[in-house]
């Protein structure tokens, strides 16, 4: 099929526009990366754009020598893994149950779940509840309260609803019970939506800092996002990170950028491996047949 001249012009302008959008989107991140490798003089004078000026890695060395950073980093990995596993388990079983039309009270449970998307108990009642449960200064205060994202649950529910009922009927005839059908039939066919939900939950847990700010008092329990937050808020500086007096000005200039880069690296590393499932998972769970 021959393309018309107007369509070719459209494709050119469309490509230019999309490249511009990509550049505008990436520029803040590239600027942060460039600042993390730049020297103090260029940063303070505003001469750093997307290319490092006066290449300097002293701040990276200082942060890498700070034991608290690595402790908080380890905590974040643990919180993310445990939180994602709990969230996936609870979201999957809730979504699968609600996808069955024969479930008694299905409409009420769905409406009740959707209600929580718009209304919550409030900050103080939540804090009182967490405190009364004895979750303060524990990992559970971070991974249990927000274990189920209703948005993610509805996507999975829609995905399960679109699966042929004949598959489950055949499995039931072969002797599988409800749990066997879910584990051996449904989940293996749901890799795309499962990978998408894992990505959503993992990124959410990795970037979360406010629950830790509320419920954790011990520095050794902080996630790395609190470490970053303290850097930005000025509660922690180069001296507390173990820097020498000669390097304090350099570290003060780009310690925030360095910490941001180190914090985001794991997500950037994992994302390419699940990106191919991302669009597929969203579309499969959002289109109702």
Protein backbone atom coordinates (compact mmCIF):
# COMPACT_ATOMS: atom_id res chain seq x y z
CA UNK A 1 0.00 0.00 0.00
CA UNK A 2 1.48 3.33 -1.11
CA UNK A 3 1.69 6.07 1.49
CA UNK A 4 0.37 9.46 0.53
CA UNK A 5 2.56 12.54 0.70
CA UNK A 6 0.51 14.00 3.55
CA UNK A 7 0.90 10.78 5.55
CA UNK A 8 4.67 10.83 5.05
CA UNK A 9 4.77 14.43 6.30
CA UNK A 10 2.65 13.40 9.29
CA UNK A 11 5.07 10.56 10.13
CA UNK A 12 8.03 12.95 10.05
CA UNK A 13 6.37 15.51 12.31
CA UNK A 14 5.06 12.77 14.56
CA UNK A 15 8.57 11.32 14.95
CA UNK A 16 10.02 14.76 15.70
CA UNK A 17 7.30 15.47 18.25
CA UNK A 18 7.75 12.13 20.01
CA UNK A 19 11.53 12.58 20.13
CA UNK A 20 10.97 15.98 21.67
CA UNK A 21 8.65 14.46 24.29
CA UNK A 22 11.24 11.78 25.06
CA UNK A 23 13.97 14.39 25.47
CA UNK A 24 11.82 16.56 27.75
CA UNK A 25 10.96 13.48 29.82
CA UNK A 26 14.55 12.26 30.08
CA UNK A 27 16.22 15.63 30.59
CA UNK A 28 15.64 15.91 34.39
CA UNK A 29 17.01 12.40 34.95
CA UNK A 30 20.01 12.96 32.66
CA UNK A 31 20.68 16.25 34.43
CA UNK A 32 20.70 14.50 37.83
CA UNK A 33 23.09 11.84 36.52
CA UNK A 34 25.37 14.52 35.04
CA UNK A 35 25.42 16.48 38.30
CA UNK A 36 26.30 13.35 40.26
CA UNK A 37 29.53 13.07 38.25
CA UNK A 38 30.33 16.80 38.08
CA UNK A 39 32.56 18.97 40.23
CA UNK A 40 31.32 21.52 42.73
CA UNK A 41 32.33 24.61 40.73
CA UNK A 42 30.34 23.65 37.63
CA UNK A 43 27.28 22.59 39.66
CA UNK A 44 27.12 25.79 41.70
CA UNK A 45 27.59 27.93 38.59
CA UNK A 46 24.73 26.13 36.80
CA UNK A 47 26.86 24.95 33.90
CA UNK A 48 25.85 21.28 34.08
CA UNK A 49 23.14 20.15 31.63
CA UNK A 50 23.17 16.51 30.49
CA UNK A 51 26.95 16.09 30.20
CA UNK A 52 29.14 15.91 33.34
CA UNK A 53 31.54 18.83 33.79
CA UNK A 54 34.73 18.48 35.82
CA UNK A 55 34.32 14.71 36.26
CA UNK A 56 34.32 13.82 39.97
CA UNK A 57 33.34 10.61 41.81
CA UNK A 58 34.35 11.63 45.33
CA UNK A 59 30.75 11.71 46.54
CA UNK A 60 30.14 8.18 45.24
CA UNK A 61 33.18 7.01 47.19
CA UNK A 62 31.97 8.76 50.34
CA UNK A 63 28.45 7.31 50.11
CA UNK A 64 29.82 3.83 49.44
CA UNK A 65 31.83 4.09 52.67
CA UNK A 66 28.75 5.04 54.70
CA UNK A 67 27.54 1.84 56.41
CA UNK A 68 24.13 3.36 57.16
CA UNK A 69 23.46 3.85 53.45
CA UNK A 70 24.07 0.17 52.75
CA UNK A 71 22.00 -0.86 55.79
CA UNK A 72 19.10 1.24 54.53
CA UNK A 73 19.66 -0.12 51.02
CA UNK A 74 19.44 -3.69 52.30
CA UNK A 75 16.27 -2.78 54.22
CA UNK A 76 14.68 -1.41 51.06
CA UNK A 77 15.43 -4.60 49.15
CA UNK A 78 13.90 -6.71 51.94
CA UNK A 79 10.83 -4.49 52.26
CA UNK A 80 10.33 -4.49 48.49
CA UNK A 81 10.63 -8.26 48.08
CA UNK A 82 8.47 -9.14 51.08
CA UNK A 83 5.93 -6.41 50.35
CA UNK A 84 5.61 -7.42 46.69
CA UNK A 85 5.12 -11.09 47.59
CA UNK A 86 2.42 -10.26 50.14
CA UNK A 87 0.71 -7.84 47.76
CA UNK A 88 0.74 -10.29 44.87
CA UNK A 89 -0.64 -13.11 47.01
CA UNK A 90 -3.48 -11.05 48.48
CA UNK A 91 -4.33 -9.25 45.24
CA UNK A 92 -4.39 -12.49 43.24
CA UNK A 93 -6.69 -14.42 45.55
CA UNK A 94 -9.01 -11.41 46.00
CA UNK A 95 -9.20 -10.73 42.25
CA UNK A 96 -9.74 -14.40 41.41
CA UNK A 97 -12.56 -14.73 43.93
CA UNK A 98 -14.30 -11.57 42.68
CA UNK A 99 -14.02 -12.74 39.08
CA UNK A 100 -16.44 -15.61 39.79
CA UNK A 101 -20.05 -14.69 39.16
CA UNK A 102 -21.22 -17.46 41.47
CA UNK A 103 -19.54 -15.82 44.49
CA UNK A 104 -22.14 -14.73 47.05
CA UNK A 105 -21.91 -11.02 47.84
CA UNK A 106 -19.66 -10.43 44.82
CA UNK A 107 -21.22 -7.08 43.93
CA UNK A 108 -21.08 -5.85 47.53
CA UNK A 109 -17.43 -6.86 47.95
CA UNK A 110 -16.50 -5.16 44.68
CA UNK A 111 -18.29 -1.95 45.66
CA UNK A 112 -16.72 -2.08 49.12
CA UNK A 113 -13.26 -2.42 47.57
CA UNK A 114 -13.87 0.44 45.13
CA UNK A 115 -15.16 2.59 48.02
CA UNK A 116 -11.71 2.39 49.65
CA UNK A 117 -10.15 3.95 46.55
CA UNK A 118 -11.88 7.23 47.36
CA UNK A 119 -12.27 7.19 51.14
CA UNK A 120 -9.91 6.15 53.93
CA UNK A 121 -9.86 6.28 57.71
CA UNK A 122 -7.42 9.17 57.79
CA UNK A 123 -3.83 9.58 58.93
CA UNK A 124 -4.37 9.63 62.70
CA UNK A 125 -6.72 6.61 62.84
CA UNK A 126 -4.27 4.67 60.68
CA UNK A 127 -1.41 5.56 63.01
CA UNK A 128 -3.44 4.55 66.07
CA UNK A 129 -4.34 1.24 64.39
CA UNK A 130 -0.74 0.45 63.45
CA UNK A 131 0.40 1.32 66.96
CA UNK A 132 -2.30 -0.82 68.60
CA UNK A 133 -1.31 -3.78 66.43
CA UNK A 134 2.28 -3.45 67.63
CA UNK A 135 3.60 -2.81 64.13
CA UNK A 136 5.64 0.29 65.05
CA UNK A 137 9.34 -0.14 64.25
CA UNK A 138 8.66 -3.33 62.31
CA UNK A 139 8.63 -4.19 58.64
CA UNK A 140 4.93 -5.06 58.81
CA UNK A 141 3.96 -1.41 59.25
CA UNK A 142 5.27 -0.83 55.71
CA UNK A 143 4.07 -3.91 53.84
CA UNK A 144 0.73 -4.87 55.40
CA UNK A 145 -1.48 -1.70 55.43
CA UNK A 146 -1.20 -1.10 51.69
CA UNK A 147 -0.93 -4.73 50.66
CA UNK A 148 -3.76 -4.53 48.12
CA UNK A 149 -3.98 -1.85 45.45
CA UNK A 150 -7.62 -1.78 44.34
CA UNK A 151 -6.58 -0.46 40.93
CA UNK A 152 -4.28 -3.45 40.42
CA UNK A 153 -6.90 -5.82 41.79
CA UNK A 154 -9.52 -4.58 39.33
CA UNK A 155 -7.13 -5.09 36.41
CA UNK A 156 -6.45 -8.67 37.52
CA UNK A 157 -10.15 -9.28 38.14
CA UNK A 158 -10.98 -8.16 34.60
CA UNK A 159 -8.22 -10.38 33.23
CA UNK A 160 -9.51 -13.45 35.08
CA UNK A 161 -13.08 -12.74 33.96
CA UNK A 162 -11.98 -12.85 30.31
CA UNK A 163 -10.45 -16.30 30.60
CA UNK A 164 -12.59 -19.08 29.04
CA UNK A 165 -14.69 -20.88 31.63
CA UNK A 166 -14.20 -24.09 29.65
CA UNK A 167 -10.60 -24.26 30.88
CA UNK A 168 -11.69 -24.39 34.50
CA UNK A 169 -14.53 -26.81 33.75
CA UNK A 170 -12.12 -29.20 32.02
CA UNK A 171 -9.67 -28.93 34.93
CA UNK A 172 -12.49 -29.61 37.40
CA UNK A 173 -13.50 -32.71 35.44
CA UNK A 174 -9.88 -33.88 35.66
CA UNK A 175 -10.11 -33.65 39.45
CA UNK A 176 -8.56 -30.29 40.28
CA UNK A 177 -10.09 -28.29 43.08
CA UNK A 178 -10.35 -24.48 43.16
CA UNK A 179 -6.79 -23.99 44.42
CA UNK A 180 -5.39 -26.46 41.91
CA UNK A 181 -7.17 -24.68 39.06
CA UNK A 182 -5.76 -21.33 40.17
CA UNK A 183 -2.20 -22.57 40.66
CA UNK A 184 -1.90 -24.98 37.72
CA UNK A 185 -4.20 -23.47 35.08
CA UNK A 186 -4.94 -19.79 35.70
CA UNK A 187 -1.61 -18.43 36.95
CA UNK A 188 0.55 -20.04 34.22
CA UNK A 189 -1.71 -18.33 31.65
CA UNK A 190 -1.49 -14.99 33.46
CA UNK A 191 2.22 -14.25 33.17
CA UNK A 192 1.73 -10.93 31.40
CA UNK A 193 -0.65 -9.41 33.92
CA UNK A 194 1.30 -10.93 36.84
CA UNK A 195 4.57 -9.41 35.62
CA UNK A 196 2.84 -6.05 35.26
CA UNK A 197 1.47 -6.20 38.79
CA UNK A 198 4.88 -7.22 40.16
CA UNK A 199 6.39 -4.18 38.48
CA UNK A 200 3.69 -1.86 39.89
CA UNK A 201 4.02 -3.19 43.42
CA UNK A 202 7.82 -3.38 43.41
CA UNK A 203 8.21 0.22 42.21
CA UNK A 204 5.63 1.37 44.75
CA UNK A 205 7.38 -0.34 47.66
CA UNK A 206 10.82 0.76 46.49
CA UNK A 207 9.83 4.44 46.25
CA UNK A 208 7.70 4.50 49.40
CA UNK A 209 9.01 6.67 52.22
CA UNK A 210 6.08 8.25 54.08
CA UNK A 211 4.94 5.09 55.98
CA UNK A 212 8.54 4.57 57.12
CA UNK A 213 8.70 8.22 58.15
CA UNK A 214 5.56 7.72 60.26
CA UNK A 215 6.09 4.31 61.81
CA UNK A 216 9.88 3.81 62.08
CA UNK A 217 12.05 5.55 64.67
CA UNK A 218 15.26 3.53 64.45
CA UNK A 219 17.76 4.56 61.78
CA UNK A 220 18.87 0.99 61.24
CA UNK A 221 15.32 0.13 60.09
CA UNK A 222 14.95 3.02 57.62
CA UNK A 223 14.62 2.30 53.89
CA UNK A 224 17.00 4.06 51.56
CA UNK A 225 14.27 6.52 50.57
CA UNK A 226 14.37 7.94 54.11
CA UNK A 227 18.13 8.26 53.77
CA UNK A 228 17.52 10.20 50.56
CA UNK A 229 14.77 12.25 52.20
CA UNK A 230 17.12 13.21 55.03
CA UNK A 231 19.71 14.26 52.48
CA UNK A 232 17.23 16.50 50.70
CA UNK A 233 15.81 17.89 53.94
CA UNK A 234 19.32 18.67 55.18
CA UNK A 235 19.06 16.37 58.17
CA UNK A 236 22.09 14.44 56.96
CA UNK A 237 25.15 15.90 55.33
CA UNK A 238 28.56 14.99 54.06
CA UNK A 239 30.12 14.99 57.53
CA UNK A 240 27.68 12.42 58.88
CA UNK A 241 28.33 10.30 55.79
CA UNK A 242 32.00 10.12 56.70
CA UNK A 243 33.47 12.77 54.40
CA UNK A 244 36.74 14.53 55.11
CA UNK A 245 36.78 18.28 55.67
CA UNK A 246 38.45 18.86 52.29
CA UNK A 247 35.60 17.18 50.40
CA UNK A 248 32.63 18.66 52.26
CA UNK A 249 31.91 21.37 49.71
CA UNK A 250 32.07 18.93 46.79
CA UNK A 251 29.80 16.45 48.57
CA UNK A 252 27.33 19.15 49.61
CA UNK A 253 27.02 20.15 45.94
CA UNK A 254 25.96 16.78 44.54
CA UNK A 255 25.18 14.38 47.39
CA UNK A 256 21.46 14.56 46.56
CA UNK A 257 22.08 13.68 42.91
CA UNK A 258 24.39 10.81 43.81
CA UNK A 259 21.90 9.33 46.26
CA UNK A 260 19.07 9.63 43.73
CA UNK A 261 21.09 7.78 41.10
CA UNK A 262 22.08 5.00 43.52
CA UNK A 263 18.48 4.66 44.68
CA UNK A 264 16.94 4.33 41.22
CA UNK A 265 19.54 1.94 39.74
CA UNK A 266 17.86 -1.36 40.76
CA UNK A 267 14.52 -0.36 39.22
CA UNK A 268 16.26 0.72 36.01
CA UNK A 269 18.06 -2.61 35.95
CA UNK A 270 14.94 -4.73 36.42
CA UNK A 271 12.52 -2.76 34.24
CA UNK A 272 13.87 -3.86 30.80
CA UNK A 273 13.22 -7.51 31.69
CA UNK A 274 9.52 -6.94 32.49
CA UNK A 275 8.82 -4.08 30.09
CA UNK A 276 7.72 -6.46 27.32
CA UNK A 277 4.90 -7.67 29.58
CA UNK A 278 3.86 -4.17 30.62
CA UNK A 279 1.57 -3.04 27.76
CA UNK A 280 0.27 -6.57 27.18
CA UNK A 281 -0.65 -6.99 30.84
CA UNK A 282 -2.47 -3.66 31.04
CA UNK A 283 -4.41 -4.24 27.82
CA UNK A 284 -5.39 -7.80 28.68
CA UNK A 285 -6.74 -6.71 32.04
CA UNK A 286 -8.52 -3.60 30.82
CA UNK A 287 -10.48 -4.89 27.80
CA UNK A 288 -13.67 -6.75 28.63
CA UNK A 289 -15.02 -9.15 26.05
